[in-house]
N, C-alpha and C. Protein backbone atom coordinates (compact mmCIF):
# COMPACT_ATOMS: atom_id res chain seq x y z
N MET A 1 -6.70 54.87 23.48
CA MET A 1 -7.94 54.56 24.08
C MET A 1 -8.52 53.34 23.27
N ASN A 2 -8.28 52.17 23.78
CA ASN A 2 -8.91 50.96 23.19
C ASN A 2 -10.00 50.23 24.00
N ALA A 3 -11.02 50.07 23.45
CA ALA A 3 -12.19 49.34 24.09
C ALA A 3 -12.42 48.16 23.23
N THR A 4 -12.56 46.97 23.84
CA THR A 4 -12.73 45.76 23.11
C THR A 4 -14.24 45.38 22.99
N ILE A 5 -14.63 44.57 22.10
CA ILE A 5 -15.94 43.99 22.09
C ILE A 5 -16.43 43.29 23.31
N HIS A 6 -15.49 42.60 23.82
CA HIS A 6 -15.73 41.93 25.05
C HIS A 6 -16.01 42.79 26.23
N GLN A 7 -15.25 43.82 26.33
CA GLN A 7 -15.53 44.94 27.39
C GLN A 7 -16.87 45.42 27.10
N LEU A 8 -17.17 45.85 25.97
CA LEU A 8 -18.43 46.61 25.72
C LEU A 8 -19.58 45.63 25.99
N ARG A 9 -19.50 44.41 25.54
CA ARG A 9 -20.54 43.45 25.83
C ARG A 9 -20.78 43.19 27.27
N ALA A 10 -19.74 43.08 28.04
CA ALA A 10 -19.74 42.82 29.53
C ALA A 10 -20.43 44.11 30.12
N PHE A 11 -20.06 45.20 29.73
CA PHE A 11 -20.49 46.47 30.26
C PHE A 11 -22.06 46.61 30.08
N VAL A 12 -22.49 46.31 28.77
CA VAL A 12 -23.81 46.22 28.55
C VAL A 12 -24.68 45.31 29.38
N TRP A 13 -24.21 44.23 29.56
CA TRP A 13 -24.94 43.09 30.26
C TRP A 13 -24.92 43.56 31.80
N VAL A 14 -23.76 44.03 32.32
CA VAL A 14 -23.84 44.63 33.62
C VAL A 14 -24.80 45.58 33.99
N VAL A 15 -24.94 46.52 33.04
CA VAL A 15 -25.87 47.50 33.25
C VAL A 15 -27.29 47.08 33.08
N ARG A 16 -27.47 46.30 32.10
CA ARG A 16 -28.92 45.85 31.80
C ARG A 16 -29.40 45.04 33.05
N LEU A 17 -28.49 44.20 33.52
CA LEU A 17 -28.89 43.28 34.70
C LEU A 17 -28.67 43.80 36.18
N ARG A 18 -27.86 44.97 36.05
CA ARG A 18 -27.60 45.53 37.35
C ARG A 18 -26.87 44.65 38.28
N SER A 19 -26.06 43.81 37.65
CA SER A 19 -25.35 42.68 38.45
C SER A 19 -24.20 42.22 37.79
N PHE A 20 -23.04 42.10 38.36
CA PHE A 20 -21.92 41.53 37.84
C PHE A 20 -22.00 40.01 37.93
N THR A 21 -22.77 39.46 38.71
CA THR A 21 -22.83 37.88 38.90
C THR A 21 -23.78 37.45 37.72
N LYS A 22 -24.82 38.22 37.44
CA LYS A 22 -25.93 37.77 36.54
C LYS A 22 -25.33 38.05 35.19
N ALA A 23 -24.58 39.09 35.01
CA ALA A 23 -23.84 39.40 33.66
C ALA A 23 -22.91 38.12 33.41
N ALA A 24 -22.16 37.78 34.34
CA ALA A 24 -21.11 36.72 34.24
C ALA A 24 -21.92 35.56 33.77
N GLU A 25 -22.89 35.18 34.41
CA GLU A 25 -23.79 33.98 34.05
C GLU A 25 -24.22 34.08 32.53
N ARG A 26 -24.62 35.23 32.23
CA ARG A 26 -25.13 35.44 30.90
C ARG A 26 -24.13 35.31 29.86
N LEU A 27 -22.82 35.85 30.29
CA LEU A 27 -21.84 35.63 29.26
C LEU A 27 -20.93 34.51 29.34
N HIS A 28 -21.23 33.64 30.35
CA HIS A 28 -20.49 32.29 30.57
C HIS A 28 -19.03 32.63 30.91
N LEU A 29 -18.95 33.67 31.86
CA LEU A 29 -17.70 34.08 32.34
C LEU A 29 -17.78 34.07 33.85
N THR A 30 -16.69 34.08 34.56
CA THR A 30 -16.63 34.08 36.05
C THR A 30 -17.02 35.69 36.47
N GLN A 31 -17.43 35.93 37.65
CA GLN A 31 -17.77 37.26 38.15
C GLN A 31 -16.51 38.12 38.09
N SER A 32 -15.33 37.54 38.44
CA SER A 32 -14.23 38.25 38.46
C SER A 32 -13.69 38.61 37.08
N ALA A 33 -13.94 37.82 36.04
CA ALA A 33 -13.57 38.17 34.70
C ALA A 33 -14.41 39.45 34.29
N VAL A 34 -15.64 39.29 34.55
CA VAL A 34 -16.57 40.46 34.11
C VAL A 34 -16.15 41.73 34.77
N SER A 35 -15.81 41.62 36.16
CA SER A 35 -15.47 42.76 36.81
C SER A 35 -14.13 43.32 36.34
N LEU A 36 -13.02 42.48 35.86
CA LEU A 36 -11.97 42.86 35.23
C LEU A 36 -12.19 43.65 33.97
N LEU A 37 -13.06 43.04 33.04
CA LEU A 37 -13.47 43.72 31.88
C LEU A 37 -13.96 45.09 32.05
N ILE A 38 -14.86 45.26 33.06
CA ILE A 38 -15.35 46.67 33.23
C ILE A 38 -14.30 47.53 33.82
N ARG A 39 -13.62 47.02 34.78
CA ARG A 39 -12.37 47.82 35.20
C ARG A 39 -11.41 48.28 34.15
N GLN A 40 -11.12 47.43 33.20
CA GLN A 40 -10.23 47.69 32.04
C GLN A 40 -10.79 48.70 31.17
N LEU A 41 -12.14 48.56 30.91
CA LEU A 41 -12.82 49.56 30.16
C LEU A 41 -12.85 51.02 30.66
N GLU A 42 -13.16 50.96 32.05
CA GLU A 42 -13.07 52.33 32.71
C GLU A 42 -11.66 52.87 32.60
N ASP A 43 -10.69 52.06 32.87
CA ASP A 43 -9.32 52.54 32.88
C ASP A 43 -8.94 53.16 31.41
N ASN A 44 -9.29 52.33 30.44
CA ASN A 44 -9.05 52.79 28.91
C ASN A 44 -9.79 54.03 28.66
N LEU A 45 -11.02 54.28 29.16
CA LEU A 45 -11.66 55.45 28.95
C LEU A 45 -11.55 56.57 29.94
N GLN A 46 -10.84 56.21 31.04
CA GLN A 46 -10.49 57.13 32.06
C GLN A 46 -11.75 57.77 32.69
N VAL A 47 -12.87 57.05 32.83
CA VAL A 47 -14.12 57.51 33.46
C VAL A 47 -14.56 56.25 34.25
N LEU A 48 -15.44 56.71 35.20
CA LEU A 48 -16.19 55.71 35.95
C LEU A 48 -17.62 55.44 35.30
N LEU A 49 -17.88 54.15 34.87
CA LEU A 49 -19.07 53.80 34.17
C LEU A 49 -20.14 53.28 34.99
N VAL A 50 -19.75 52.64 36.23
CA VAL A 50 -20.86 52.11 37.07
C VAL A 50 -20.41 52.43 38.49
N GLU A 51 -21.34 52.82 39.32
CA GLU A 51 -21.17 53.05 40.74
C GLU A 51 -21.57 51.78 41.43
N ARG A 52 -20.55 51.28 42.13
CA ARG A 52 -20.72 49.89 42.81
C ARG A 52 -20.94 50.19 44.34
N SER A 53 -21.87 49.48 44.94
CA SER A 53 -22.04 49.32 46.39
C SER A 53 -22.25 47.92 46.65
N THR A 54 -22.40 47.71 47.93
CA THR A 54 -22.62 46.30 48.42
C THR A 54 -24.03 45.85 48.01
N ARG A 55 -24.97 46.93 47.94
CA ARG A 55 -26.34 46.62 47.62
C ARG A 55 -26.83 47.04 46.14
N ARG A 56 -26.12 47.96 45.55
CA ARG A 56 -26.66 48.38 44.20
C ARG A 56 -25.62 48.54 43.35
N LEU A 57 -25.95 48.47 41.99
CA LEU A 57 -25.00 48.88 41.00
C LEU A 57 -25.77 49.70 40.04
N GLU A 58 -25.32 50.96 39.85
CA GLU A 58 -26.01 51.92 39.02
C GLU A 58 -25.02 52.51 38.00
N PRO A 59 -25.47 52.63 36.74
CA PRO A 59 -24.64 53.43 35.68
C PRO A 59 -24.56 54.91 36.07
N THR A 60 -23.30 55.38 35.82
CA THR A 60 -23.06 56.76 35.95
C THR A 60 -23.79 57.47 34.71
N THR A 61 -23.74 58.84 34.86
CA THR A 61 -24.43 59.56 33.63
C THR A 61 -23.45 59.17 32.29
N VAL A 62 -22.14 59.10 32.45
CA VAL A 62 -21.25 58.85 31.39
C VAL A 62 -21.53 57.26 30.94
N GLY A 63 -21.79 56.44 32.01
CA GLY A 63 -22.09 55.11 31.63
C GLY A 63 -23.36 55.01 30.80
N LEU A 64 -24.58 55.67 31.25
CA LEU A 64 -25.69 55.68 30.50
C LEU A 64 -25.57 56.13 28.99
N GLU A 65 -24.74 57.17 28.90
CA GLU A 65 -24.44 57.64 27.58
C GLU A 65 -23.71 56.56 26.67
N LEU A 66 -22.76 55.92 27.28
CA LEU A 66 -21.99 54.79 26.57
C LEU A 66 -22.87 53.68 26.32
N LEU A 67 -23.83 53.42 27.21
CA LEU A 67 -24.77 52.22 27.02
C LEU A 67 -25.51 52.31 25.69
N THR A 68 -26.10 53.45 25.27
CA THR A 68 -26.78 53.53 24.15
C THR A 68 -25.94 53.42 22.93
N SER A 69 -24.71 53.93 22.93
CA SER A 69 -23.74 53.74 21.75
C SER A 69 -23.23 52.32 21.79
N ALA A 70 -22.91 51.78 22.87
CA ALA A 70 -22.49 50.43 22.94
C ALA A 70 -23.44 49.37 22.38
N GLU A 71 -24.82 49.57 22.81
CA GLU A 71 -25.74 48.73 22.27
C GLU A 71 -25.95 48.67 20.85
N ARG A 72 -25.91 49.91 20.20
CA ARG A 72 -25.97 50.21 18.84
C ARG A 72 -24.81 49.55 18.12
N LEU A 73 -23.67 49.75 18.69
CA LEU A 73 -22.36 49.25 18.10
C LEU A 73 -22.49 47.72 18.03
N LEU A 74 -22.84 47.08 19.32
CA LEU A 74 -22.84 45.62 19.41
C LEU A 74 -24.00 45.12 18.46
N GLU A 75 -24.99 45.67 18.21
CA GLU A 75 -26.13 45.31 17.31
C GLU A 75 -25.62 45.18 15.90
N ASP A 76 -24.84 46.32 15.53
CA ASP A 76 -24.24 46.37 14.17
C ASP A 76 -23.18 45.49 14.05
N PHE A 77 -22.37 45.10 15.14
CA PHE A 77 -21.18 44.15 15.02
C PHE A 77 -21.72 42.84 14.83
N ASP A 78 -22.73 42.40 15.68
CA ASP A 78 -23.40 41.11 15.58
C ASP A 78 -24.03 40.81 14.21
N GLY A 79 -24.76 41.93 13.78
CA GLY A 79 -25.28 41.83 12.52
C GLY A 79 -24.37 41.52 11.29
N ALA A 80 -23.30 42.22 11.44
CA ALA A 80 -22.21 42.04 10.41
C ALA A 80 -21.61 40.76 10.55
N ILE A 81 -21.40 40.07 11.64
CA ILE A 81 -20.87 38.78 11.97
C ILE A 81 -21.81 37.75 11.31
N ALA A 82 -23.07 38.00 11.55
CA ALA A 82 -24.19 37.04 11.19
C ALA A 82 -24.17 37.14 9.59
N ASN A 83 -24.03 38.22 9.03
CA ASN A 83 -24.08 38.27 7.67
C ASN A 83 -22.87 37.55 7.05
N VAL A 84 -21.80 37.76 7.58
CA VAL A 84 -20.51 37.10 6.99
C VAL A 84 -20.58 35.57 7.07
N ALA A 85 -21.27 35.11 8.22
CA ALA A 85 -21.43 33.66 8.35
C ALA A 85 -22.39 33.18 7.48
N GLU A 86 -23.42 33.96 7.14
CA GLU A 86 -24.44 33.47 6.26
C GLU A 86 -24.04 33.39 4.84
N LEU A 87 -23.10 34.50 4.46
CA LEU A 87 -22.43 34.28 3.13
C LEU A 87 -21.54 33.17 3.05
N GLY A 88 -20.80 32.94 4.04
CA GLY A 88 -19.86 31.84 4.08
C GLY A 88 -20.64 30.42 3.99
N ALA A 89 -21.76 30.31 4.54
CA ALA A 89 -22.56 29.11 4.64
C ALA A 89 -23.08 28.92 3.08
N ARG A 90 -23.43 30.02 2.45
CA ARG A 90 -23.87 29.93 1.05
C ARG A 90 -22.87 29.53 0.03
N GLN A 91 -21.52 29.71 0.42
CA GLN A 91 -20.41 29.34 -0.42
C GLN A 91 -20.00 28.04 -0.41
N ARG A 92 -20.49 27.23 0.59
CA ARG A 92 -20.23 25.67 0.67
C ARG A 92 -21.38 24.98 1.06
N GLY A 93 -21.42 23.84 0.79
CA GLY A 93 -22.56 23.07 1.22
C GLY A 93 -22.93 22.02 0.19
N ARG A 94 -24.27 21.66 0.17
CA ARG A 94 -24.84 20.69 -0.71
C ARG A 94 -26.19 20.99 -1.07
N ILE A 95 -26.67 20.95 -2.33
CA ILE A 95 -27.99 21.20 -2.75
C ILE A 95 -28.41 19.99 -3.60
N THR A 96 -29.66 19.61 -3.40
CA THR A 96 -30.21 18.57 -4.18
C THR A 96 -31.39 19.14 -5.00
N ILE A 97 -31.27 18.82 -6.35
CA ILE A 97 -32.37 19.31 -7.28
C ILE A 97 -33.07 18.20 -7.72
N ALA A 98 -34.53 18.34 -7.83
CA ALA A 98 -35.31 17.33 -8.38
C ALA A 98 -35.93 17.98 -9.67
N ALA A 99 -35.82 17.13 -10.67
CA ALA A 99 -36.28 17.56 -11.97
C ALA A 99 -36.70 16.37 -12.90
N PRO A 100 -37.60 16.54 -13.76
CA PRO A 100 -38.04 15.47 -14.69
C PRO A 100 -36.79 14.97 -15.46
N TYR A 101 -36.77 13.66 -15.88
CA TYR A 101 -35.73 13.16 -16.50
C TYR A 101 -35.19 13.92 -17.73
N ILE A 102 -36.13 14.44 -18.59
CA ILE A 102 -35.76 15.19 -19.87
C ILE A 102 -34.99 16.51 -19.48
N LEU A 103 -35.25 17.26 -18.56
CA LEU A 103 -34.61 18.47 -18.04
C LEU A 103 -33.33 18.04 -17.42
N ALA A 104 -33.30 17.07 -16.64
CA ALA A 104 -32.16 16.63 -15.84
C ALA A 104 -31.02 16.23 -16.82
N THR A 105 -31.33 15.63 -17.91
CA THR A 105 -30.31 15.18 -18.90
C THR A 105 -30.08 16.08 -20.00
N THR A 106 -30.80 17.20 -20.10
CA THR A 106 -30.42 18.14 -21.14
C THR A 106 -30.06 19.52 -20.61
N PHE A 107 -30.97 20.30 -20.21
CA PHE A 107 -30.90 21.72 -19.89
C PHE A 107 -30.09 21.78 -18.61
N LEU A 108 -30.34 20.98 -17.77
CA LEU A 108 -29.69 21.16 -16.30
C LEU A 108 -28.25 20.78 -16.30
N VAL A 109 -27.77 20.03 -17.19
CA VAL A 109 -26.38 19.51 -17.22
C VAL A 109 -25.38 20.77 -17.52
N GLU A 110 -25.76 21.64 -18.34
CA GLU A 110 -24.95 22.90 -18.52
C GLU A 110 -25.06 23.72 -17.35
N VAL A 111 -26.30 24.06 -16.87
CA VAL A 111 -26.59 24.89 -15.72
C VAL A 111 -25.85 24.44 -14.57
N ILE A 112 -25.83 23.09 -14.21
CA ILE A 112 -25.09 22.58 -13.11
C ILE A 112 -23.56 22.81 -13.29
N ALA A 113 -23.19 22.47 -14.43
CA ALA A 113 -21.71 22.66 -14.65
C ALA A 113 -21.13 24.00 -14.52
N GLU A 114 -21.92 24.97 -14.98
CA GLU A 114 -21.57 26.44 -14.91
C GLU A 114 -21.53 26.78 -13.31
N PHE A 115 -22.74 26.40 -12.66
CA PHE A 115 -22.85 26.61 -11.31
C PHE A 115 -21.71 26.07 -10.45
N SER A 116 -21.35 24.80 -10.78
CA SER A 116 -20.28 24.20 -10.02
C SER A 116 -18.94 24.79 -10.29
N ALA A 117 -18.70 25.33 -11.51
CA ALA A 117 -17.51 26.04 -11.81
C ALA A 117 -17.32 27.31 -10.99
N LYS A 118 -18.47 27.98 -10.75
CA LYS A 118 -18.46 29.28 -10.00
C LYS A 118 -18.46 28.89 -8.49
N HIS A 119 -18.99 27.92 -8.01
CA HIS A 119 -19.13 27.53 -6.56
C HIS A 119 -18.60 26.20 -6.51
N PRO A 120 -17.37 26.01 -6.46
CA PRO A 120 -16.80 24.61 -6.35
C PRO A 120 -16.94 23.95 -5.04
N ALA A 121 -17.19 24.67 -3.93
CA ALA A 121 -17.35 24.10 -2.61
C ALA A 121 -18.88 23.68 -2.30
N ILE A 122 -19.68 23.91 -3.36
CA ILE A 122 -21.12 23.50 -3.15
C ILE A 122 -21.31 22.16 -4.20
N SER A 123 -21.74 21.16 -3.56
CA SER A 123 -21.92 19.97 -4.25
C SER A 123 -23.36 19.90 -4.75
N VAL A 124 -23.61 19.66 -6.01
CA VAL A 124 -24.90 19.56 -6.45
C VAL A 124 -25.28 18.18 -6.83
N HIS A 125 -26.52 17.73 -6.30
CA HIS A 125 -26.86 16.41 -6.67
C HIS A 125 -28.24 16.47 -7.36
N LEU A 126 -28.49 15.80 -8.51
CA LEU A 126 -29.59 15.88 -9.29
C LEU A 126 -30.32 14.55 -9.18
N LYS A 127 -31.57 14.73 -8.82
CA LYS A 127 -32.43 13.58 -8.82
C LYS A 127 -33.48 13.67 -10.06
N ASP A 128 -33.33 12.77 -11.03
CA ASP A 128 -34.24 12.77 -12.11
C ASP A 128 -35.42 12.03 -11.50
N SER A 129 -36.65 12.59 -11.91
CA SER A 129 -37.86 12.09 -11.45
C SER A 129 -38.83 12.11 -12.36
N LEU A 130 -40.04 11.47 -12.17
CA LEU A 130 -41.15 11.59 -12.97
C LEU A 130 -41.74 12.92 -12.79
N PRO A 131 -42.23 13.55 -13.84
CA PRO A 131 -42.83 14.95 -13.68
C PRO A 131 -43.78 15.12 -12.57
N GLY A 132 -44.58 14.19 -12.27
CA GLY A 132 -45.56 14.29 -11.11
C GLY A 132 -44.94 14.10 -9.81
N ASP A 133 -43.70 13.63 -9.67
CA ASP A 133 -43.17 13.35 -8.52
C ASP A 133 -42.20 14.45 -7.90
N VAL A 134 -41.75 15.34 -8.88
CA VAL A 134 -40.83 16.49 -8.48
C VAL A 134 -41.24 17.22 -7.30
N LEU A 135 -42.49 17.73 -7.23
CA LEU A 135 -42.84 18.49 -6.21
C LEU A 135 -42.95 17.67 -4.83
N ASN A 136 -43.36 16.47 -4.90
CA ASN A 136 -43.46 15.71 -3.64
C ASN A 136 -42.01 15.49 -3.10
N GLN A 137 -40.98 15.31 -3.82
CA GLN A 137 -39.57 15.28 -3.35
C GLN A 137 -39.10 16.55 -2.60
N LEU A 138 -39.76 17.73 -3.15
CA LEU A 138 -39.38 18.93 -2.51
C LEU A 138 -40.14 19.08 -1.24
N ARG A 139 -41.38 18.72 -1.27
CA ARG A 139 -42.14 18.96 -0.02
C ARG A 139 -41.74 17.93 1.05
N SER A 140 -41.26 16.79 0.66
CA SER A 140 -40.71 15.79 1.59
C SER A 140 -39.37 16.17 2.13
N GLY A 141 -38.60 17.13 1.60
CA GLY A 141 -37.29 17.37 1.98
C GLY A 141 -36.15 16.55 1.29
N VAL A 142 -36.66 15.59 0.36
CA VAL A 142 -35.55 14.97 -0.42
C VAL A 142 -34.66 15.85 -1.34
N ALA A 143 -35.46 16.91 -1.79
CA ALA A 143 -34.83 17.90 -2.61
C ALA A 143 -34.94 19.39 -2.12
N ASP A 144 -33.93 20.06 -2.38
CA ASP A 144 -33.90 21.49 -1.91
C ASP A 144 -34.54 22.37 -2.95
N LEU A 145 -34.59 21.99 -4.09
CA LEU A 145 -35.12 22.80 -5.26
C LEU A 145 -35.83 21.86 -6.29
N ALA A 146 -36.83 22.37 -6.84
CA ALA A 146 -37.52 21.52 -7.95
C ALA A 146 -37.67 22.46 -9.19
N ILE A 147 -37.36 21.79 -10.17
CA ILE A 147 -37.41 22.37 -11.55
C ILE A 147 -38.39 21.57 -12.49
N GLY A 148 -39.40 22.20 -13.03
CA GLY A 148 -40.31 21.57 -13.87
C GLY A 148 -41.44 22.54 -14.28
N SER A 149 -42.44 21.95 -14.83
CA SER A 149 -43.63 22.75 -15.20
C SER A 149 -44.79 22.47 -14.12
N PHE A 150 -45.02 23.52 -13.47
CA PHE A 150 -46.03 23.49 -12.34
C PHE A 150 -47.13 24.57 -12.57
N ARG A 151 -48.22 24.36 -11.72
CA ARG A 151 -49.25 25.30 -11.75
C ARG A 151 -48.74 26.70 -11.27
N GLU A 152 -49.37 27.68 -11.60
CA GLU A 152 -48.98 29.04 -11.21
C GLU A 152 -48.74 29.13 -9.82
N SER A 153 -49.43 28.59 -8.96
CA SER A 153 -49.38 28.76 -7.52
C SER A 153 -49.49 27.35 -6.81
N GLU A 154 -48.46 27.03 -6.15
CA GLU A 154 -48.41 25.81 -5.42
C GLU A 154 -48.41 26.04 -3.85
N PRO A 155 -49.50 25.59 -3.13
CA PRO A 155 -49.45 26.08 -1.66
C PRO A 155 -48.43 25.66 -0.89
N GLY A 156 -47.90 26.67 -0.24
CA GLY A 156 -46.62 26.38 0.70
C GLY A 156 -45.38 26.46 0.00
N LEU A 157 -45.33 26.80 -1.23
CA LEU A 157 -44.04 26.89 -1.96
C LEU A 157 -43.89 28.18 -2.62
N GLN A 158 -42.66 28.57 -2.90
CA GLN A 158 -42.39 29.73 -3.59
C GLN A 158 -41.72 29.32 -4.97
N GLY A 159 -42.13 30.06 -5.99
CA GLY A 159 -41.61 29.73 -7.29
C GLY A 159 -41.20 30.86 -8.16
N SER A 160 -40.49 30.75 -9.08
CA SER A 160 -40.10 31.81 -9.95
C SER A 160 -40.03 31.16 -11.46
N LEU A 161 -40.28 32.05 -12.44
CA LEU A 161 -40.21 31.60 -13.79
C LEU A 161 -38.82 31.78 -14.40
N LEU A 162 -38.47 30.78 -15.15
CA LEU A 162 -37.05 30.82 -15.65
C LEU A 162 -37.22 31.14 -17.21
């Protein structure tokens, strides 16, 4: 008994929308493809999940039972995929750091070298700046991170002490 993610997703949308055609549009498939997915799911489970007529489409009692579990399963699956994609995105990319010249040429050299050794797919660009210009570079989007001495609370920014 094998049910695929595609079959479950098609089933959920067919029941939610009470239409093979609308579900097909939502899933960017043809109506016949959605119908085939539902038929395969019913064959695999050896139960009727939706009652079809020319005017109505209604889930069976078994179909309603599956709907709850399928929605939860798909939500968990989609969440897991999103988490993996987010982790992957964090493992590669580019970051620009704005910092005053003295920090950029002393303290940050070692920190960036250590970070780069651990995360070789992330390129780090350092913008040495005047101390008063560091936050402006962050606010304008030139930098992703600002390091320096700042007031305890900067409006619209989050900070942490090192």
